[in-house]
Amino acid sequence: MTDEHAMRRELEQVDAMIAELRSQADQIRQEVGNREDGPGDPGDTTLLISSAEEQEALVAVLEDRRGKLRERLGLGAEG
């Protein structure tokens, strides 16, 4: 496997992880915002919000990695 092939494969994996983490963070935030039974336990709400924020932080790290891979592949940092 060539270096370029390996980087393209990693780029695909990073893109998939970003999409999954974004989806999970969105679901968590929707769960917090759509509670029909009222605000619920503040501790639970805080835990859910913290979980969403952690996933968003991971997305930022992965987006940085994706940008670096794209640059090395000559695709530009955005995409």
C-alpha atoms as a PDB file:
ATOM      1  CA  MET A   1       0.000   0.000   0.000  1.00  0.00           C
ATOM      2  CA  THR A   2       1.429   3.366  -0.976  1.00  0.00           C
ATOM      3  CA  ASP A   3       1.681   6.296   1.406  1.00  0.00           C
ATOM      4  CA  GLU A   4      -0.885   8.185  -0.651  1.00  0.00           C
ATOM      5  CA  HIS A   5      -3.286   5.256  -0.538  1.00  0.00           C
ATOM      6  CA  ALA A   6      -2.828   4.958   3.216  1.00  0.00           C
ATOM      7  CA  MET A   7      -3.460   8.689   3.684  1.00  0.00           C
ATOM      8  CA  ARG A   8      -6.595   8.551   1.531  1.00  0.00           C
ATOM      9  CA  ARG A   9      -7.859   5.618   3.563  1.00  0.00           C
ATOM     10  CA  GLU A  10      -7.161   7.473   6.800  1.00  0.00           C
ATOM     11  CA  LEU A  11      -8.921  10.538   5.386  1.00  0.00           C
ATOM     12  CA  GLU A  12     -12.014   8.427   4.692  1.00  0.00           C
ATOM     13  CA  GLN A  13     -11.908   7.054   8.241  1.00  0.00           C
ATOM     14  CA  VAL A  14     -11.507  10.536   9.725  1.00  0.00           C
ATOM     15  CA  ASP A  15     -14.443  11.821   7.654  1.00  0.00           C
ATOM     16  CA  ALA A  16     -16.604   8.930   8.882  1.00  0.00           C
ATOM     17  CA  MET A  17     -15.628   9.545  12.519  1.00  0.00           C
ATOM     18  CA  ILE A  18     -16.399  13.261  12.187  1.00  0.00           C
ATOM     19  CA  ALA A  19     -19.839  12.517  10.761  1.00  0.00           C
ATOM     20  CA  GLU A  20     -20.596   9.989  13.506  1.00  0.00           C
ATOM     21  CA  LEU A  21     -19.440  12.241  16.347  1.00  0.00           C
ATOM     22  CA  ARG A  22     -21.397  15.206  14.975  1.00  0.00           C
ATOM     23  CA  SER A  23     -24.494  13.056  14.730  1.00  0.00           C
ATOM     24  CA  GLN A  24     -24.093  11.804  18.289  1.00  0.00           C
ATOM     25  CA  ALA A  25     -23.528  15.314  19.646  1.00  0.00           C
ATOM     26  CA  ASP A  26     -26.617  16.565  17.800  1.00  0.00           C
ATOM     27  CA  GLN A  27     -28.704  13.703  19.200  1.00  0.00           C
ATOM     28  CA  ILE A  28     -27.546  14.454  22.729  1.00  0.00           C
ATOM     29  CA  ARG A  29     -28.350  18.148  22.373  1.00  0.00           C
ATOM     30  CA  GLN A  30     -31.790  17.315  20.940  1.00  0.00           C
ATOM     31  CA  GLU A  31     -32.423  14.987  23.860  1.00  0.00           C
ATOM     32  CA  VAL A  32     -31.585  17.755  26.317  1.00  0.00           C
ATOM     33  CA  GLY A  33     -33.737  20.290  24.470  1.00  0.00           C
ATOM     34  CA  ASN A  34     -36.727  18.054  23.816  1.00  0.00           C
ATOM     35  CA  ARG A  35     -37.409  16.622  27.221  1.00  0.00           C
ATOM     36  CA  GLU A  36     -41.161  16.339  27.568  1.00  0.00           C
ATOM     37  CA  ASP A  37     -40.981  15.617  31.281  1.00  0.00           C
ATOM     38  CA  GLY A  38     -39.459  18.972  32.128  1.00  0.00           C
ATOM     39  CA  PRO A  39     -35.885  19.906  32.818  1.00  0.00           C
ATOM     40  CA  GLY A  40     -35.095  16.685  34.677  1.00  0.00           C
ATOM     41  CA  ASP A  41     -32.196  16.133  37.032  1.00  0.00           C
ATOM     42  CA  PRO A  42     -29.703  18.989  36.660  1.00  0.00           C
ATOM     43  CA  GLY A  43     -26.851  16.530  37.138  1.00  0.00           C
ATOM     44  CA  ASP A  44     -28.063  14.382  34.256  1.00  0.00           C
ATOM     45  CA  THR A  45     -28.496  17.432  32.050  1.00  0.00           C
ATOM     46  CA  THR A  46     -24.995  18.637  32.881  1.00  0.00           C
ATOM     47  CA  LEU A  47     -23.589  15.200  32.115  1.00  0.00           C
ATOM     48  CA  LEU A  48     -25.331  15.096  28.737  1.00  0.00           C
ATOM     49  CA  ILE A  49     -24.144  18.585  27.812  1.00  0.00           C
ATOM     50  CA  SER A  50     -20.588  17.699  28.862  1.00  0.00           C
ATOM     51  CA  SER A  51     -20.739  14.581  26.707  1.00  0.00           C
ATOM     52  CA  ALA A  52     -21.850  16.613  23.682  1.00  0.00           C
ATOM     53  CA  GLU A  53     -19.063  19.135  24.302  1.00  0.00           C
ATOM     54  CA  GLU A  54     -16.463  16.348  24.538  1.00  0.00           C
ATOM     55  CA  GLN A  55     -17.630  14.938  21.220  1.00  0.00           C
ATOM     56  CA  GLU A  56     -17.463  18.374  19.635  1.00  0.00           C
ATOM     57  CA  ALA A  57     -13.908  18.773  20.954  1.00  0.00           C
ATOM     58  CA  LEU A  58     -12.996  15.450  19.341  1.00  0.00           C
ATOM     59  CA  VAL A  59     -14.545  16.674  16.092  1.00  0.00           C
ATOM     60  CA  ALA A  60     -12.255  19.727  16.222  1.00  0.00           C
ATOM     61  CA  VAL A  61      -9.193  17.487  16.645  1.00  0.00           C
ATOM     62  CA  LEU A  62     -10.325  15.262  13.783  1.00  0.00           C
ATOM     63  CA  GLU A  63     -11.037  18.258  11.554  1.00  0.00           C
ATOM     64  CA  ASP A  64      -7.483  19.435  12.154  1.00  0.00           C
ATOM     65  CA  ARG A  65      -6.188  15.975  11.230  1.00  0.00           C
ATOM     66  CA  ARG A  66      -8.393  15.943   8.131  1.00  0.00           C
ATOM     67  CA  GLY A  67      -7.020  19.318   7.054  1.00  0.00           C
ATOM     68  CA  LYS A  68      -3.442  18.122   7.434  1.00  0.00           C
ATOM     69  CA  LEU A  69      -4.156  14.948   5.454  1.00  0.00           C
ATOM     70  CA  ARG A  70      -5.851  16.928   2.687  1.00  0.00           C
ATOM     71  CA  GLU A  71      -2.890  19.306   2.484  1.00  0.00           C
ATOM     72  CA  ARG A  72      -0.434  16.412   2.249  1.00  0.00           C
ATOM     73  CA  LEU A  73      -2.562  14.918  -0.522  1.00  0.00           C
ATOM     74  CA  GLY A  74      -2.660  18.230  -2.377  1.00  0.00           C
ATOM     75  CA  LEU A  75      -6.422  18.590  -1.942  1.00  0.00           C
ATOM     76  CA  GLY A  76      -6.393  21.818   0.044  1.00  0.00           C
ATOM     77  CA  ALA A  77      -7.308  22.073   3.701  1.00  0.00           C
ATOM     78  CA  GLU A  78     -11.068  22.470   3.194  1.00  0.00           C
ATOM     79  CA  GLY A  79     -13.459  19.872   1.941  1.00  0.00           C
END
